[in-house]
Protein backbone atom coordinates (compact mmCIF):
# COMPACT_ATOMS: atom_id res chain seq x y z
CA MET A 1 86.61 118.10 45.96
CA ALA A 2 84.89 115.24 47.77
CA LYS A 3 81.89 113.57 46.16
CA VAL A 4 79.97 113.66 49.43
CA PRO A 5 79.61 116.36 52.08
CA TYR A 6 81.96 116.44 55.03
CA ILE A 7 79.77 115.89 58.06
CA SER A 8 80.31 117.96 61.18
CA ARG A 9 79.02 117.16 64.63
CA ASP A 10 76.21 119.68 64.17
CA ASP A 11 75.06 117.89 61.01
CA MET A 12 74.42 114.67 62.94
CA ASN A 13 71.42 113.43 64.87
CA SER A 14 71.98 113.86 68.59
CA SER A 15 71.73 110.08 69.02
CA GLU A 16 74.77 109.60 66.75
CA GLN A 17 76.95 112.51 67.88
CA ASN A 18 78.72 110.15 70.27
CA ILE A 19 80.34 108.54 67.20
CA TYR A 20 81.78 111.89 66.16
CA ASP A 21 82.88 112.59 69.74
CA LYS A 22 84.66 109.24 70.06
CA ILE A 23 86.58 109.82 66.83
CA SER A 24 87.53 113.34 67.90
CA SER A 25 88.59 112.17 71.34
CA SER A 26 90.70 109.22 70.22
CA ARG A 27 92.36 110.93 67.24
CA GLY A 28 92.45 114.55 68.36
CA SER A 29 90.18 115.62 65.50
CA VAL A 30 87.83 114.23 62.90
CA GLN A 31 89.81 114.04 59.70
CA ASN A 32 88.28 114.40 56.26
CA VAL A 33 88.20 110.67 55.58
CA PHE A 34 85.97 110.15 58.61
CA SER A 35 83.96 113.33 58.01
CA ALA A 36 83.09 111.94 54.57
CA LEU A 37 82.36 108.49 55.95
CA LEU A 38 80.08 110.02 58.59
CA ASN A 39 77.41 110.17 55.89
CA ASN A 40 76.77 106.69 57.33
CA PRO A 41 77.48 106.94 61.09
CA PRO A 42 77.14 103.22 61.96
CA ALA A 43 79.58 102.28 59.19
CA THR A 44 81.94 104.99 60.39
CA GLU A 45 81.76 103.62 63.91
CA ALA A 46 82.66 100.11 62.71
CA VAL A 47 85.54 101.37 60.57
CA THR A 48 86.98 103.62 63.27
CA ASN A 49 86.71 100.91 65.93
CA LEU A 50 88.96 98.69 63.83
CA GLY A 51 91.30 101.62 63.18
CA GLU A 52 91.54 102.33 66.90
CA TYR A 53 92.43 98.70 67.54
CA ILE A 54 95.16 98.84 64.91
CA ARG A 55 96.60 102.15 66.09
CA TYR A 56 96.30 101.71 69.86
CA LYS A 57 95.77 98.05 70.83
CA SER A 58 97.47 95.93 68.17
CA THR A 59 100.29 93.59 69.13
CA LEU A 60 102.47 95.04 66.35
CA ASN A 61 105.22 97.34 67.44
CA PRO A 62 104.52 100.85 66.13
CA ALA A 63 107.40 100.89 63.63
CA THR A 64 106.24 97.62 62.04
CA ARG A 65 102.68 98.92 61.88
CA GLU A 66 103.78 102.15 60.20
CA ILE A 67 105.96 100.31 57.68
CA ALA A 68 102.92 98.21 56.74
CA ILE A 69 100.79 101.35 56.39
CA LEU A 70 103.38 103.24 54.32
CA VAL A 71 103.93 100.30 51.97
CA THR A 72 100.16 99.93 51.55
CA ALA A 73 99.77 103.64 50.83
CA LYS A 74 102.64 103.60 48.33
CA GLN A 75 101.46 100.47 46.54
CA LEU A 76 97.96 101.95 46.21
CA ASN A 77 99.29 105.41 45.31
CA ASN A 78 97.37 106.89 48.22
CA HIS A 79 98.86 110.32 48.93
CA TYR A 80 96.36 110.97 51.73
CA GLU A 81 97.39 108.01 53.89
CA TRP A 82 101.07 108.52 53.07
CA SER A 83 100.84 112.14 54.21
CA GLN A 84 99.01 111.08 57.36
CA HIS A 85 101.47 108.35 58.28
CA GLU A 86 104.93 109.46 57.14
CA PRO A 87 105.25 111.78 60.18
CA VAL A 88 103.90 109.06 62.47
CA ALA A 89 106.39 106.56 61.06
CA LYS A 90 109.29 108.93 61.70
CA SER A 91 108.05 109.60 65.23
CA VAL A 92 108.05 105.88 66.09
CA GLY A 93 111.54 105.27 64.73
CA VAL A 94 111.15 104.26 61.09
CA SER A 95 114.39 105.44 59.52
CA ASP A 96 114.64 107.79 56.57
CA ASP A 97 116.46 105.01 54.68
CA ILE A 98 113.47 102.70 55.03
CA ILE A 99 111.05 105.47 54.06
CA GLN A 100 113.15 106.31 50.99
CA TYR A 101 113.30 102.61 50.08
CA ILE A 102 109.50 102.35 50.27
CA LEU A 103 109.23 105.48 48.10
CA GLY A 104 111.54 103.99 45.44
CA LYS A 105 109.71 103.13 42.26
CA ASP A 106 111.94 100.33 41.04
CA ASN A 107 114.31 99.27 43.76
CA PRO A 108 116.80 97.00 42.00
CA ASN A 109 117.90 95.36 45.24
CA LYS A 110 115.88 93.93 48.07
CA MET A 111 116.49 95.81 51.29
CA ASP A 112 118.64 93.69 53.59
CA THR A 113 117.35 94.66 57.00
CA LYS A 114 115.04 93.11 59.58
CA GLU A 115 112.30 95.37 58.20
CA SER A 116 112.55 93.90 54.69
CA ILE A 117 110.09 91.12 55.54
CA PHE A 118 107.45 93.68 56.51
CA ILE A 119 108.00 95.61 53.28
CA GLU A 120 107.82 92.47 51.16
CA ALA A 121 104.79 91.06 52.99
CA ALA A 122 102.80 94.29 52.67
CA LYS A 123 103.66 94.52 48.96
CA GLU A 124 102.51 90.95 48.37
CA LEU A 125 99.28 91.46 50.30
CA VAL A 126 98.40 94.62 48.38
CA THR A 127 99.36 93.40 44.92
CA SER A 128 98.05 89.82 45.09
CA SER A 129 95.98 89.55 48.29
CA ARG A 130 98.19 86.62 49.18
CA LEU A 131 101.51 85.85 50.80
CA LYS A 132 104.04 83.49 49.27
CA GLN A 133 104.63 80.58 51.63
CA LYS A 134 108.21 81.71 52.27
CA THR A 135 107.04 85.25 53.08
CA PHE A 136 104.31 83.93 55.37
CA ASP A 137 106.73 81.61 57.18
CA THR A 138 109.27 84.39 57.65
CA LEU A 139 106.60 86.78 58.88
CA MET A 140 105.34 84.18 61.37
CA LYS A 141 108.89 83.51 62.59
CA SER A 142 109.53 87.22 62.98
CA LEU A 143 106.21 88.26 64.54
CA GLY A 144 104.46 85.20 65.94
CA MET A 145 100.83 84.27 65.36
CA LYS A 146 98.96 87.21 66.92
CA SER A 147 101.17 89.88 65.42
CA THR A 148 101.08 88.20 62.00
CA MET A 149 97.29 88.37 62.14
CA ASP A 150 97.51 92.02 63.20
CA PHE A 151 99.88 92.72 60.29
CA ILE A 152 97.43 91.20 57.79
CA VAL A 153 94.50 93.09 59.35
CA THR A 154 96.49 96.34 59.23
CA VAL A 155 97.22 96.03 55.52
CA GLY A 156 93.59 95.05 54.88
CA TYR A 157 92.28 98.00 56.87
CA TYR A 158 94.42 100.56 55.06
CA THR A 159 93.50 98.96 51.74
CA MET A 160 89.84 99.49 52.68
CA LEU A 161 90.55 103.11 53.66
CA ASP A 162 92.21 103.60 50.29
CA LYS A 163 88.97 102.57 48.57
CA ILE A 164 86.94 105.01 50.70
CA ILE A 165 89.39 107.88 50.12
CA SER A 166 89.71 107.20 46.39
CA VAL A 167 86.04 106.64 45.60
CA LEU A 168 84.91 109.66 47.61
CA ASP A 169 87.79 111.90 46.42
CA VAL A 170 88.61 112.87 50.00
CA ASP A 171 90.62 116.09 50.20
CA PHE A 172 93.78 116.51 52.23
CA ASP A 173 93.17 117.85 55.72
CA ASN A 174 94.50 121.40 56.18
CA TRP A 175 97.56 120.32 58.16
CA MET A 176 98.72 117.70 55.64
CA THR A 177 101.48 118.22 53.09
CA LYS A 178 102.19 116.14 50.03
CA ASN A 179 105.60 114.43 49.87
CA GLN A 180 107.06 115.56 46.55
CA LYS A 181 109.07 112.32 46.26
CA PHE A 182 105.93 110.20 46.46
CA ASN A 183 105.25 110.12 42.73
């Protein structure tokens, strides 16, 4: 059970309902993470604006973005974001093999695919808040400057969401299902 109330549109001042409406319009609904965050509407607006950039305007191709998100969720043990993004990842072409690799607890071998740099970079960013020079150079060569910046911002954003979800004990939305292989 969440530590704060989930805020509905009717709970908000009329002057701030546009924030709720924008979230609902761009995402199709207002999910629990944002309903909890709506206890501070201006903060919610700032957070969701960045999320909309990442999801809809970023220079990253969708599969790369979703790999970064899944790795971040897995590294932070965030079932909520994993459950949100595993279906999205599949819909944008992330293979089951890559998803299973990300789910692996102790993968003895490094994945030898073009996606391995994204997996490694996201792991390094989450675990150390840094990138090894070799990882950074490979990421830059693979993505270019703008997309490398978008990759770093994406991992940072989903790390921030993890803190919000974890601290507030945000519940799964009704439509979400937990991946039993996640643990």
